[in-house]
Amino acid sequence: MALYPEIEPYDHGMLDAGDGNRVYWETCGNPRGKPAVVLHGGPGSGCTPYFRRLFDPAAYRIVLLDQRGCGRSTPHASVYDTDMSVNTTAHLLADLELLRRHLGIERWLVWGVSWGSVLGLRYAQTHPAVVSELVLTGVATAASAEVALLTRGLGQIFPEAFERFLAELPADERDGDLAAACNRLIESPDPEVRARAARAWTDWETACVPAPPRSVPRYEDPRFRMAFARTVTHYFGNDHFLGEGNDEGVVLRDAPLLKDIPGTLVQGSLDFGNLLGVVWRLRHAWPGSELVVVDDVGHNAGAPGVAAALVAATDKYAVR
């Protein structure tokens, strides 16, 4: 795998983002290198050291952060009294701008995976002057149709797992918005109800990848599992806080706003998001973008072919 060696941060801190939130950030690589910011998935996954290895540490000043409510940021979404009303797309976009100014960065490359690709695209659409390039993988746009596919549509492919997931939801809500229904359980004052709902969500998510249920190690951490399930269902159940018109896809609609920003999209050929053709439509709607398809890979930024394509992209943009 064409990854750069493991490195440690040379600086880190907690950014006071307001609303009682403190966002963890770290910087790695060359302090005078080209700035790049890493946007993790989920929402609610948090950053991992793996992401540092996708950039040449001699060429890049690599900025990683844990988005509100997850990772090392506080308060953590696993804590019942954490206020999720101040965890929205608008808040995360504002946090990025606050961090950019805090670090004295004029423009930066934006790297994003899965939900991070949605956040990166929306950030570039609303703040184009501060984004030099985009490198995105596991590409999504968070349109309502994508959420419907992930919460209900894949039930036709994984019927047994889907039946188990539905069985954990109230009978009168199984024909409605499944993410919102699950989120209501996760917000229950009863800790047993919350825990069972979070487990049901992560079991369903795990069933949709080439592995048996409960096989993903991070989901075995109760703190991670609760924060992740709570945050994902909070966003999924609220149209990702993208506003009116998201039935058709606000991010895809506004793709022409990216016309002056070069970008590389790296997508596994077996990513279930491809069933809606989103990444192909984005590529054609975004002048100056390129699409790299990695054969026989799903929604996995760590797959060797995907990693190689991501490193090739960051290497290419390092000299711009």
C-alpha atoms as a PDB file:
ATOM      1  CA  MET A   1       0.000   0.000   0.000  1.00  0.00           C
ATOM      2  CA  ALA A   2       1.418   3.386  -1.042  1.00  0.00           C
ATOM      3  CA  LEU A   3       0.991   5.117   2.319  1.00  0.00           C
ATOM      4  CA  TYR A   4       3.415   7.567   3.853  1.00  0.00           C
ATOM      5  CA  PRO A   5       5.052   6.571   7.181  1.00  0.00           C
ATOM      6  CA  GLU A   6       3.241   7.028  10.450  1.00  0.00           C
ATOM      7  CA  ILE A   7       3.724  10.463  11.990  1.00  0.00           C
ATOM      8  CA  GLU A   8       2.665  12.235  15.175  1.00  0.00           C
ATOM      9  CA  PRO A   9       1.161  15.732  15.495  1.00  0.00           C
ATOM     10  CA  TYR A  10       3.532  18.599  16.148  1.00  0.00           C
ATOM     11  CA  ASP A  11       0.694  20.665  17.610  1.00  0.00           C
ATOM     12  CA  HIS A  12      -2.852  20.154  18.856  1.00  0.00           C
ATOM     13  CA  GLY A  13      -5.538  21.934  20.833  1.00  0.00           C
ATOM     14  CA  MET A  14      -9.189  22.398  21.727  1.00  0.00           C
ATOM     15  CA  LEU A  15     -11.015  25.095  19.772  1.00  0.00           C
ATOM     16  CA  ASP A  16     -13.756  26.930  21.639  1.00  0.00           C
ATOM     17  CA  ALA A  17     -16.501  26.734  19.025  1.00  0.00           C
ATOM     18  CA  GLY A  18     -19.269  28.239  21.153  1.00  0.00           C
ATOM     19  CA  ASP A  19     -22.474  26.617  22.412  1.00  0.00           C
ATOM     20  CA  GLY A  20     -20.323  24.899  25.038  1.00  0.00           C
ATOM     21  CA  ASN A  21     -18.484  22.914  22.335  1.00  0.00           C
ATOM     22  CA  ARG A  22     -14.725  22.423  22.222  1.00  0.00           C
ATOM     23  CA  VAL A  23     -13.418  20.897  18.992  1.00  0.00           C
ATOM     24  CA  TYR A  24     -10.227  18.848  19.029  1.00  0.00           C
ATOM     25  CA  TRP A  25      -7.683  19.636  16.281  1.00  0.00           C
ATOM     26  CA  GLU A  26      -4.148  18.604  15.458  1.00  0.00           C
ATOM     27  CA  THR A  27      -1.519  19.524  12.875  1.00  0.00           C
ATOM     28  CA  CYS A  28       1.047  17.153  11.367  1.00  0.00           C
ATOM     29  CA  GLY A  29       3.732  17.212   8.710  1.00  0.00           C
ATOM     30  CA  ASN A  30       5.503  20.382   7.611  1.00  0.00           C
ATOM     31  CA  PRO A  31       4.451  23.547   9.509  1.00  0.00           C
ATOM     32  CA  ARG A  32       5.303  25.555   6.373  1.00  0.00           C
ATOM     33  CA  GLY A  33       3.793  23.063   3.946  1.00  0.00           C
ATOM     34  CA  LYS A  34       0.645  23.312   1.875  1.00  0.00           C
ATOM     35  CA  PRO A  35      -2.379  23.327   4.237  1.00  0.00           C
ATOM     36  CA  ALA A  36      -4.853  20.456   3.978  1.00  0.00           C
ATOM     37  CA  VAL A  37      -7.801  19.685   6.248  1.00  0.00           C
ATOM     38  CA  VAL A  38      -9.217  16.191   6.784  1.00  0.00           C
ATOM     39  CA  LEU A  39     -12.985  15.700   7.200  1.00  0.00           C
ATOM     40  CA  HIS A  40     -13.929  12.325   8.652  1.00  0.00           C
ATOM     41  CA  GLY A  41     -17.113  10.415   8.010  1.00  0.00           C
ATOM     42  CA  GLY A  42     -20.134   9.376  10.001  1.00  0.00           C
ATOM     43  CA  PRO A  43     -21.240  11.948  10.951  1.00  0.00           C
ATOM     44  CA  GLY A  44     -19.630  11.082  14.249  1.00  0.00           C
ATOM     45  CA  SER A  45     -16.749   8.775  13.326  1.00  0.00           C
ATOM     46  CA  GLY A  46     -13.859  10.976  14.430  1.00  0.00           C
ATOM     47  CA  CYS A  47     -10.395  11.149  12.874  1.00  0.00           C
ATOM     48  CA  THR A  48      -7.820   8.353  12.995  1.00  0.00           C
ATOM     49  CA  PRO A  49      -4.022   8.326  12.491  1.00  0.00           C
ATOM     50  CA  TYR A  50      -4.552   6.537   9.163  1.00  0.00           C
ATOM     51  CA  PHE A  51      -5.612   9.785   7.505  1.00  0.00           C
ATOM     52  CA  ARG A  52      -2.238  11.388   8.239  1.00  0.00           C
ATOM     53  CA  ARG A  53      -0.555   8.806   6.018  1.00  0.00           C
ATOM     54  CA  LEU A  54      -2.384   9.920   2.868  1.00  0.00           C
ATOM     55  CA  PHE A  55      -0.272  13.074   2.607  1.00  0.00           C
ATOM     56  CA  ASP A  56       3.429  13.683   2.008  1.00  0.00           C
ATOM     57  CA  PRO A  57       4.522  15.008   5.433  1.00  0.00           C
ATOM     58  CA  ALA A  58       7.324  17.011   3.828  1.00  0.00           C
ATOM     59  CA  ALA A  59       4.917  18.805   1.499  1.00  0.00           C
ATOM     60  CA  TYR A  60       1.758  19.256   3.583  1.00  0.00           C
ATOM     61  CA  ARG A  61       0.649  20.933   6.773  1.00  0.00           C
ATOM     62  CA  ILE A  62      -2.035  18.360   7.618  1.00  0.00           C
ATOM     63  CA  VAL A  63      -4.931  19.495   9.817  1.00  0.00           C
ATOM     64  CA  LEU A  64      -7.215  16.907  11.396  1.00  0.00           C
ATOM     65  CA  LEU A  65     -10.198  17.562  13.630  1.00  0.00           C
ATOM     66  CA  ASP A  66     -12.906  15.641  15.412  1.00  0.00           C
ATOM     67  CA  GLN A  67     -16.228  17.184  14.467  1.00  0.00           C
ATOM     68  CA  ARG A  68     -18.636  18.235  17.206  1.00  0.00           C
ATOM     69  CA  GLY A  69     -19.713  15.538  19.601  1.00  0.00           C
ATOM     70  CA  CYS A  70     -17.229  12.837  18.601  1.00  0.00           C
ATOM     71  CA  GLY A  71     -13.657  11.670  19.048  1.00  0.00           C
ATOM     72  CA  ARG A  72     -11.809  13.927  21.469  1.00  0.00           C
ATOM     73  CA  SER A  73     -14.197  16.868  21.069  1.00  0.00           C
ATOM     74  CA  THR A  74     -16.471  17.792  23.964  1.00  0.00           C
ATOM     75  CA  PRO A  75     -19.209  17.416  25.018  1.00  0.00           C
ATOM     76  CA  HIS A  76     -19.422  13.909  23.607  1.00  0.00           C
ATOM     77  CA  ALA A  77     -22.610  12.737  21.917  1.00  0.00           C
ATOM     78  CA  SER A  78     -22.529   9.547  23.982  1.00  0.00           C
ATOM     79  CA  VAL A  79     -23.473  11.621  27.021  1.00  0.00           C
ATOM     80  CA  TYR A  80     -27.246  11.818  27.313  1.00  0.00           C
ATOM     81  CA  ASP A  81     -27.486  15.519  28.214  1.00  0.00           C
ATOM     82  CA  THR A  82     -25.291  16.663  25.301  1.00  0.00           C
ATOM     83  CA  ASP A  83     -27.299  19.220  23.323  1.00  0.00           C
ATOM     84  CA  MET A  84     -27.601  17.881  19.769  1.00  0.00           C
ATOM     85  CA  SER A  85     -29.535  20.942  18.574  1.00  0.00           C
ATOM     86  CA  VAL A  86     -26.189  22.726  18.191  1.00  0.00           C
ATOM     87  CA  ASN A  87     -24.711  19.923  16.107  1.00  0.00           C
ATOM     88  CA  THR A  88     -25.812  20.657  12.532  1.00  0.00           C
ATOM     89  CA  THR A  89     -24.175  21.103   9.152  1.00  0.00           C
ATOM     90  CA  ALA A  90     -24.212  24.872   9.606  1.00  0.00           C
ATOM     91  CA  HIS A  91     -22.388  24.508  12.931  1.00  0.00           C
ATOM     92  CA  LEU A  92     -19.744  22.231  11.402  1.00  0.00           C
ATOM     93  CA  LEU A  93     -19.167  24.636   8.516  1.00  0.00           C
ATOM     94  CA  ALA A  94     -18.741  27.499  10.966  1.00  0.00           C
ATOM     95  CA  ASP A  95     -16.304  25.390  13.009  1.00  0.00           C
ATOM     96  CA  LEU A  96     -14.146  24.853   9.911  1.00  0.00           C
ATOM     97  CA  GLU A  97     -13.947  28.571   9.252  1.00  0.00           C
ATOM     98  CA  LEU A  98     -13.173  29.283  12.891  1.00  0.00           C
ATOM     99  CA  LEU A  99     -10.378  26.705  12.863  1.00  0.00           C
ATOM    100  CA  ARG A 100      -8.947  27.981   9.574  1.00  0.00           C
ATOM    101  CA  ARG A 101      -8.690  31.489  10.958  1.00  0.00           C
ATOM    102  CA  HIS A 102      -7.365  30.231  14.295  1.00  0.00           C
ATOM    103  CA  LEU A 103      -4.513  28.459  12.481  1.00  0.00           C
ATOM    104  CA  GLY A 104      -3.804  31.434  10.236  1.00  0.00           C
ATOM    105  CA  ILE A 105      -4.529  29.529   7.034  1.00  0.00           C
ATOM    106  CA  GLU A 106      -5.599  31.449   3.930  1.00  0.00           C
ATOM    107  CA  ARG A 107      -6.550  28.499   1.686  1.00  0.00           C
ATOM    108  CA  TRP A 108      -6.420  24.772   2.172  1.00  0.00           C
ATOM    109  CA  LEU A 109      -6.997  21.535   0.308  1.00  0.00           C
ATOM    110  CA  VAL A 110     -10.118  19.820   1.652  1.00  0.00           C
ATOM    111  CA  TRP A 111     -10.038  16.024   1.976  1.00  0.00           C
ATOM    112  CA  GLY A 112     -13.215  14.151   2.900  1.00  0.00           C
ATOM    113  CA  VAL A 113     -14.538  10.607   3.225  1.00  0.00           C
ATOM    114  CA  SER A 114     -18.213   9.568   3.114  1.00  0.00           C
ATOM    115  CA  TRP A 115     -20.069  12.157   5.225  1.00  0.00           C
ATOM    116  CA  GLY A 116     -16.839  14.149   5.104  1.00  0.00           C
ATOM    117  CA  SER A 117     -17.244  14.348   1.332  1.00  0.00           C
ATOM    118  CA  VAL A 118     -20.683  15.909   1.822  1.00  0.00           C
ATOM    119  CA  LEU A 119     -19.305  18.383   4.333  1.00  0.00           C
ATOM    120  CA  GLY A 120     -16.320  19.150   2.106  1.00  0.00           C
ATOM    121  CA  LEU A 121     -18.488  19.755  -0.942  1.00  0.00           C
ATOM    122  CA  ARG A 122     -20.846  22.028   0.957  1.00  0.00           C
ATOM    123  CA  TYR A 123     -17.939  23.897   2.528  1.00  0.00           C
ATOM    124  CA  ALA A 124     -16.403  24.484  -0.901  1.00  0.00           C
ATOM    125  CA  GLN A 125     -19.754  25.601  -2.324  1.00  0.00           C
ATOM    126  CA  THR A 126     -20.287  28.125   0.445  1.00  0.00           C
ATOM    127  CA  HIS A 127     -16.632  29.194   0.922  1.00  0.00           C
ATOM    128  CA  PRO A 128     -15.018  28.708  -2.503  1.00  0.00           C
ATOM    129  CA  ALA A 129     -12.326  31.341  -2.000  1.00  0.00           C
ATOM    130  CA  VAL A 130     -10.628  29.352   0.790  1.00  0.00           C
ATOM    131  CA  VAL A 131     -10.602  25.907  -0.880  1.00  0.00           C
ATOM    132  CA  SER A 132      -7.660  25.189  -3.188  1.00  0.00           C
ATOM    133  CA  GLU A 133      -8.643  21.619  -4.162  1.00  0.00           C
ATOM    134  CA  LEU A 134     -10.924  18.788  -3.073  1.00  0.00           C
ATOM    135  CA  VAL A 135     -10.002  15.121  -2.670  1.00  0.00           C
ATOM    136  CA  LEU A 136     -13.029  12.989  -1.813  1.00  0.00           C
ATOM    137  CA  THR A 137     -13.691   9.278  -1.392  1.00  0.00           C
ATOM    138  CA  GLY A 138     -16.729   7.165  -0.550  1.00  0.00           C
ATOM    139  CA  VAL A 139     -18.514  10.055  -2.215  1.00  0.00           C
ATOM    140  CA  ALA A 140     -21.996  11.050  -1.106  1.00  0.00           C
ATOM    141  CA  THR A 141     -24.155  14.162  -1.375  1.00  0.00           C
ATOM    142  CA  ALA A 142     -26.685  13.419   1.430  1.00  0.00           C
ATOM    143  CA  ALA A 143     -29.735  13.807  -0.794  1.00  0.00           C
ATOM    144  CA  SER A 144     -32.940  12.329   0.609  1.00  0.00           C
ATOM    145  CA  ALA A 145     -32.780   9.500  -1.929  1.00  0.00           C
ATOM    146  CA  GLU A 146     -29.364   8.463  -0.584  1.00  0.00           C
ATOM    147  CA  VAL A 147     -30.665   8.304   2.977  1.00  0.00           C
ATOM    148  CA  ALA A 148     -33.676   6.294   1.782  1.00  0.00           C
ATOM    149  CA  LEU A 149     -31.342   3.844   0.042  1.00  0.00           C
ATOM    150  CA  LEU A 150     -29.170   3.342   3.120  1.00  0.00           C
ATOM    151  CA  THR A 151     -32.025   3.047   5.609  1.00  0.00           C
ATOM    152  CA  ARG A 152     -34.640   1.153   3.586  1.00  0.00           C
ATOM    153  CA  GLY A 153     -33.587   0.417   0.009  1.00  0.00           C
ATOM    154  CA  LEU A 154     -30.742  -1.894   0.983  1.00  0.00           C
ATOM    155  CA  GLY A 155     -33.288  -3.967   2.877  1.00  0.00           C
ATOM    156  CA  GLN A 156     -34.009  -5.702  -0.431  1.00  0.00           C
ATOM    157  CA  ILE A 157     -30.385  -6.809  -0.616  1.00  0.00           C
ATOM    158  CA  PHE A 158     -30.010  -7.680   3.072  1.00  0.00           C
ATOM    159  CA  PRO A 159     -33.548  -8.775   4.019  1.00  0.00           C
ATOM    160  CA  GLU A 160     -32.655 -10.792   7.112  1.00  0.00           C
ATOM    161  CA  ALA A 161     -30.612  -7.994   8.689  1.00  0.00           C
ATOM    162  CA  PHE A 162     -33.245  -5.451   7.695  1.00  0.00           C
ATOM    163  CA  GLU A 163     -35.953  -7.490   9.365  1.00  0.00           C
ATOM    164  CA  ARG A 164     -33.923  -7.551  12.591  1.00  0.00           C
ATOM    165  CA  PHE A 165     -33.437  -3.775  12.377  1.00  0.00           C
ATOM    166  CA  LEU A 166     -37.147  -3.105  11.826  1.00  0.00           C
ATOM    167  CA  ALA A 167     -38.047  -5.360  14.743  1.00  0.00           C
ATOM    168  CA  GLU A 168     -36.234  -2.954  17.091  1.00  0.00           C
ATOM    169  CA  LEU A 169     -38.366   0.009  15.991  1.00  0.00           C
ATOM    170  CA  PRO A 170     -41.939   0.782  17.106  1.00  0.00           C
ATOM    171  CA  ALA A 171     -44.417  -1.050  14.881  1.00  0.00           C
ATOM    172  CA  ASP A 172     -46.261   2.135  13.949  1.00  0.00           C
ATOM    173  CA  GLU A 173     -43.030   3.783  12.724  1.00  0.00           C
ATOM    174  CA  ARG A 174     -41.672   1.040  10.486  1.00  0.00           C
ATOM    175  CA  ASP A 175     -43.220   2.529   7.353  1.00  0.00           C
ATOM    176  CA  GLY A 176     -41.882   6.033   8.002  1.00  0.00           C
ATOM    177  CA  ASP A 177     -38.486   7.700   8.397  1.00  0.00           C
ATOM    178  CA  LEU A 178     -36.428   4.895   9.908  1.00  0.00           C
ATOM    179  CA  ALA A 179     -33.463   7.056  10.906  1.00  0.00           C
ATOM    180  CA  ALA A 180     -35.729   9.505  12.707  1.00  0.00           C
ATOM    181  CA  ALA A 181     -37.555   6.644  14.416  1.00  0.00           C
ATOM    182  CA  CYS A 182     -34.281   5.158  15.613  1.00  0.00           C
ATOM    183  CA  ASN A 183     -33.069   8.559  16.765  1.00  0.00           C
ATOM    184  CA  ARG A 184     -36.182   9.043  18.882  1.00  0.00           C
ATOM    185  CA  LEU A 185     -35.317   5.800  20.694  1.00  0.00           C
ATOM    186  CA  ILE A 186     -31.704   6.907  21.137  1.00  0.00           C
ATOM    187  CA  GLU A 187     -32.968  10.132  22.716  1.00  0.00           C
ATOM    188  CA  SER A 188     -35.114   8.193  25.211  1.00  0.00           C
ATOM    189  CA  PRO A 189     -34.540   8.936  28.919  1.00  0.00           C
ATOM    190  CA  ASP A 190     -34.333   5.163  29.455  1.00  0.00           C
ATOM    191  CA  PRO A 191     -30.663   4.089  29.106  1.00  0.00           C
ATOM    192  CA  GLU A 192     -31.634   0.541  28.135  1.00  0.00           C
ATOM    193  CA  VAL A 193     -33.816   1.823  25.278  1.00  0.00           C
ATOM    194  CA  ARG A 194     -30.990   4.083  24.120  1.00  0.00           C
ATOM    195  CA  ALA A 195     -28.419   1.305  24.211  1.00  0.00           C
ATOM    196  CA  ARG A 196     -30.623  -1.157  22.355  1.00  0.00           C
ATOM    197  CA  ALA A 197     -31.419   1.370  19.616  1.00  0.00           C
ATOM    198  CA  ALA A 198     -27.766   2.300  19.142  1.00  0.00           C
ATOM    199  CA  ARG A 199     -26.862  -1.375  18.815  1.00  0.00           C
ATOM    200  CA  ALA A 200     -29.682  -1.923  16.316  1.00  0.00           C
ATOM    201  CA  TRP A 201     -28.380   0.926  14.160  1.00  0.00           C
ATOM    202  CA  THR A 202     -24.758  -0.205  14.118  1.00  0.00           C
ATOM    203  CA  ASP A 203     -25.793  -3.812  13.461  1.00  0.00           C
ATOM    204  CA  TRP A 204     -27.727  -2.605  10.417  1.00  0.00           C
ATOM    205  CA  GLU A 205     -24.819  -0.465   9.198  1.00  0.00           C
ATOM    206  CA  THR A 206     -22.429  -3.390   9.590  1.00  0.00           C
ATOM    207  CA  ALA A 207     -24.750  -5.745   7.717  1.00  0.00           C
ATOM    208  CA  CYS A 208     -24.440  -3.514   4.658  1.00  0.00           C
ATOM    209  CA  VAL A 209     -20.698  -4.187   4.253  1.00  0.00           C
ATOM    210  CA  PRO A 210     -18.996  -7.490   3.343  1.00  0.00           C
ATOM    211  CA  ALA A 211     -18.794  -8.705   6.937  1.00  0.00           C
ATOM    212  CA  PRO A 212     -21.182 -10.353   9.396  1.00  0.00           C
ATOM    213  CA  PRO A 213     -23.071  -8.203  11.941  1.00  0.00           C
ATOM    214  CA  ARG A 214     -21.133  -6.814  14.897  1.00  0.00           C
ATOM    215  CA  SER A 215     -17.765  -7.499  13.263  1.00  0.00           C
ATOM    216  CA  VAL A 216     -16.530  -3.901  13.145  1.00  0.00           C
ATOM    217  CA  PRO A 217     -14.328  -3.390  16.227  1.00  0.00           C
ATOM    218  CA  ARG A 218     -15.185   0.281  16.791  1.00  0.00           C
ATOM    219  CA  TYR A 219     -18.868  -0.612  17.248  1.00  0.00           C
ATOM    220  CA  GLU A 220     -17.918  -2.819  20.196  1.00  0.00           C
ATOM    221  CA  ASP A 221     -16.933   0.292  22.166  1.00  0.00           C
ATOM    222  CA  PRO A 222     -20.202   1.369  23.872  1.00  0.00           C
ATOM    223  CA  ARG A 223     -19.121   5.013  24.018  1.00  0.00           C
ATOM    224  CA  PHE A 224     -18.268   5.146  20.325  1.00  0.00           C
ATOM    225  CA  ARG A 225     -21.360   3.143  19.362  1.00  0.00           C
ATOM    226  CA  MET A 226     -23.741   5.469  21.183  1.00  0.00           C
ATOM    227  CA  ALA A 227     -22.171   8.693  19.916  1.00  0.00           C
ATOM    228  CA  PHE A 228     -21.964   7.411  16.360  1.00  0.00           C
ATOM    229  CA  ALA A 229     -25.516   6.067  16.180  1.00  0.00           C
ATOM    230  CA  ARG A 230     -26.928   9.152  17.876  1.00  0.00           C
ATOM    231  CA  THR A 231     -25.126  11.546  15.537  1.00  0.00           C
ATOM    232  CA  VAL A 232     -25.799   9.639  12.314  1.00  0.00           C
ATOM    233  CA  THR A 233     -29.509   9.251  13.008  1.00  0.00           C
ATOM    234  CA  HIS A 234     -29.699  12.895  14.120  1.00  0.00           C
ATOM    235  CA  TYR A 235     -28.368  13.987  10.719  1.00  0.00           C
ATOM    236  CA  PHE A 236     -30.117  11.338   8.618  1.00  0.00           C
ATOM    237  CA  GLY A 237     -33.439  12.094  10.291  1.00  0.00           C
ATOM    238  CA  ASN A 238     -33.137  15.816   9.573  1.00  0.00           C
ATOM    239  CA  ASP A 239     -32.096  15.839   5.885  1.00  0.00           C
ATOM    240  CA  HIS A 240     -28.534  16.501   7.052  1.00  0.00           C
ATOM    241  CA  PHE A 241     -29.664  20.041   7.877  1.00  0.00           C
ATOM    242  CA  LEU A 242     -29.193  21.044   4.236  1.00  0.00           C
ATOM    243  CA  GLY A 243     -32.440  22.987   3.996  1.00  0.00           C
ATOM    244  CA  GLU A 244     -35.318  22.952   1.556  1.00  0.00           C
ATOM    245  CA  GLY A 245     -34.837  21.204  -1.737  1.00  0.00           C
ATOM    246  CA  ASN A 246     -32.755  18.321  -0.449  1.00  0.00           C
ATOM    247  CA  ASP A 247     -35.174  15.782  -1.884  1.00  0.00           C
ATOM    248  CA  GLU A 248     -33.426  16.457  -5.189  1.00  0.00           C
ATOM    249  CA  GLY A 249     -30.021  17.019  -3.590  1.00  0.00           C
ATOM    250  CA  VAL A 250     -28.819  20.469  -2.584  1.00  0.00           C
ATOM    251  CA  VAL A 251     -25.136  19.528  -2.898  1.00  0.00           C
ATOM    252  CA  LEU A 252     -25.569  18.024  -6.361  1.00  0.00           C
ATOM    253  CA  ARG A 253     -27.709  20.966  -7.448  1.00  0.00           C
ATOM    254  CA  ASP A 254     -24.971  23.403  -6.469  1.00  0.00           C
ATOM    255  CA  ALA A 255     -22.115  21.431  -8.055  1.00  0.00           C
ATOM    256  CA  PRO A 256     -21.553  24.130 -10.733  1.00  0.00           C
ATOM    257  CA  LEU A 257     -20.411  26.462  -7.928  1.00  0.00           C
ATOM    258  CA  LEU A 258     -17.259  24.314  -7.769  1.00  0.00           C
ATOM    259  CA  LYS A 259     -16.217  25.235 -11.322  1.00  0.00           C
ATOM    260  CA  ASP A 260     -13.019  27.016 -10.237  1.00  0.00           C
ATOM    261  CA  ILE A 261     -11.913  24.311  -7.771  1.00  0.00           C
ATOM    262  CA  PRO A 262     -10.025  21.246  -9.062  1.00  0.00           C
ATOM    263  CA  GLY A 263     -11.016  17.970  -7.473  1.00  0.00           C
ATOM    264  CA  THR A 264     -10.475  14.223  -7.482  1.00  0.00           C
ATOM    265  CA  LEU A 265     -13.222  11.735  -6.640  1.00  0.00           C
ATOM    266  CA  VAL A 266     -12.032   8.245  -5.666  1.00  0.00           C
ATOM    267  CA  GLN A 267     -14.805   5.665  -5.618  1.00  0.00           C
ATOM    268  CA  GLY A 268     -14.981   1.914  -5.121  1.00  0.00           C
ATOM    269  CA  SER A 269     -16.899   0.204  -7.907  1.00  0.00           C
ATOM    270  CA  LEU A 270     -18.899  -1.785  -5.330  1.00  0.00           C
ATOM    271  CA  ASP A 271     -19.852   1.180  -3.117  1.00  0.00           C
ATOM    272  CA  PHE A 272     -23.612   0.903  -2.588  1.00  0.00           C
ATOM    273  CA  GLY A 273     -23.940   4.657  -3.034  1.00  0.00           C
ATOM    274  CA  ASN A 274     -23.208   4.004  -6.706  1.00  0.00           C
ATOM    275  CA  LEU A 275     -26.660   2.461  -7.095  1.00  0.00           C
ATOM    276  CA  LEU A 276     -28.034   5.995  -7.461  1.00  0.00           C
ATOM    277  CA  GLY A 277     -25.294   7.170  -9.816  1.00  0.00           C
ATOM    278  CA  VAL A 278     -24.504  10.121  -7.553  1.00  0.00           C
ATOM    279  CA  VAL A 279     -20.740  10.197  -8.073  1.00  0.00           C
ATOM    280  CA  TRP A 280     -21.119  10.046 -11.846  1.00  0.00           C
ATOM    281  CA  ARG A 281     -23.661  12.852 -11.878  1.00  0.00           C
ATOM    282  CA  LEU A 282     -21.430  14.914  -9.606  1.00  0.00           C
ATOM    283  CA  ARG A 283     -18.450  14.382 -11.888  1.00  0.00           C
ATOM    284  CA  HIS A 284     -20.409  15.648 -14.914  1.00  0.00           C
ATOM    285  CA  ALA A 285     -21.923  18.587 -13.031  1.00  0.00           C
ATOM    286  CA  TRP A 286     -18.565  19.743 -11.642  1.00  0.00           C
ATOM    287  CA  PRO A 287     -16.219  21.208 -14.246  1.00  0.00           C
ATOM    288  CA  GLY A 288     -12.586  20.496 -13.442  1.00  0.00           C
ATOM    289  CA  SER A 289     -13.192  17.307 -11.450  1.00  0.00           C
ATOM    290  CA  GLU A 290     -11.894  13.845 -12.224  1.00  0.00           C
ATOM    291  CA  LEU A 291     -13.273  10.465 -11.197  1.00  0.00           C
ATOM    292  CA  VAL A 292     -11.060   7.497 -10.320  1.00  0.00           C
ATOM    293  CA  VAL A 293     -12.979   4.211  -9.971  1.00  0.00           C
ATOM    294  CA  VAL A 294     -11.267   1.408  -8.058  1.00  0.00           C
ATOM    295  CA  ASP A 295     -12.515  -2.019  -9.102  1.00  0.00           C
ATOM    296  CA  ASP A 296     -13.916  -4.589  -6.672  1.00  0.00           C
ATOM    297  CA  VAL A 297     -13.906  -2.229  -3.668  1.00  0.00           C
ATOM    298  CA  GLY A 298     -16.842  -1.047  -1.592  1.00  0.00           C
ATOM    299  CA  HIS A 299     -17.242   1.909   0.786  1.00  0.00           C
ATOM    300  CA  ASN A 300     -13.728   1.601   2.174  1.00  0.00           C
ATOM    301  CA  ALA A 301     -11.133   4.381   2.300  1.00  0.00           C
ATOM    302  CA  GLY A 302      -8.585   1.910   3.661  1.00  0.00           C
ATOM    303  CA  ALA A 303      -8.626  -0.496   0.721  1.00  0.00           C
ATOM    304  CA  PRO A 304      -5.196  -0.664  -0.967  1.00  0.00           C
ATOM    305  CA  GLY A 305      -6.389   0.524  -4.373  1.00  0.00           C
ATOM    306  CA  VAL A 306      -8.328   3.403  -2.852  1.00  0.00           C
ATOM    307  CA  ALA A 307      -5.395   4.428  -0.667  1.00  0.00           C
ATOM    308  CA  ALA A 308      -3.073   4.426  -3.674  1.00  0.00           C
ATOM    309  CA  ALA A 309      -5.461   6.641  -5.648  1.00  0.00           C
ATOM    310  CA  LEU A 310      -5.854   9.036  -2.720  1.00  0.00           C
ATOM    311  CA  VAL A 311      -2.097   9.350  -2.262  1.00  0.00           C
ATOM    312  CA  ALA A 312      -1.686   9.923  -6.003  1.00  0.00           C
ATOM    313  CA  ALA A 313      -4.220  12.752  -5.779  1.00  0.00           C
ATOM    314  CA  THR A 314      -2.606  14.473  -2.796  1.00  0.00           C
ATOM    315  CA  ASP A 315       0.820  14.063  -4.420  1.00  0.00           C
ATOM    316  CA  LYS A 316      -0.463  15.712  -7.590  1.00  0.00           C
ATOM    317  CA  TYR A 317      -1.974  18.666  -5.746  1.00  0.00           C
ATOM    318  CA  ALA A 318       1.079  19.124  -3.530  1.00  0.00           C
ATOM    319  CA  VAL A 319       2.933  20.783  -6.398  1.00  0.00           C
ATOM    320  CA  ARG A 320       0.156  23.158  -7.460  1.00  0.00           C
END
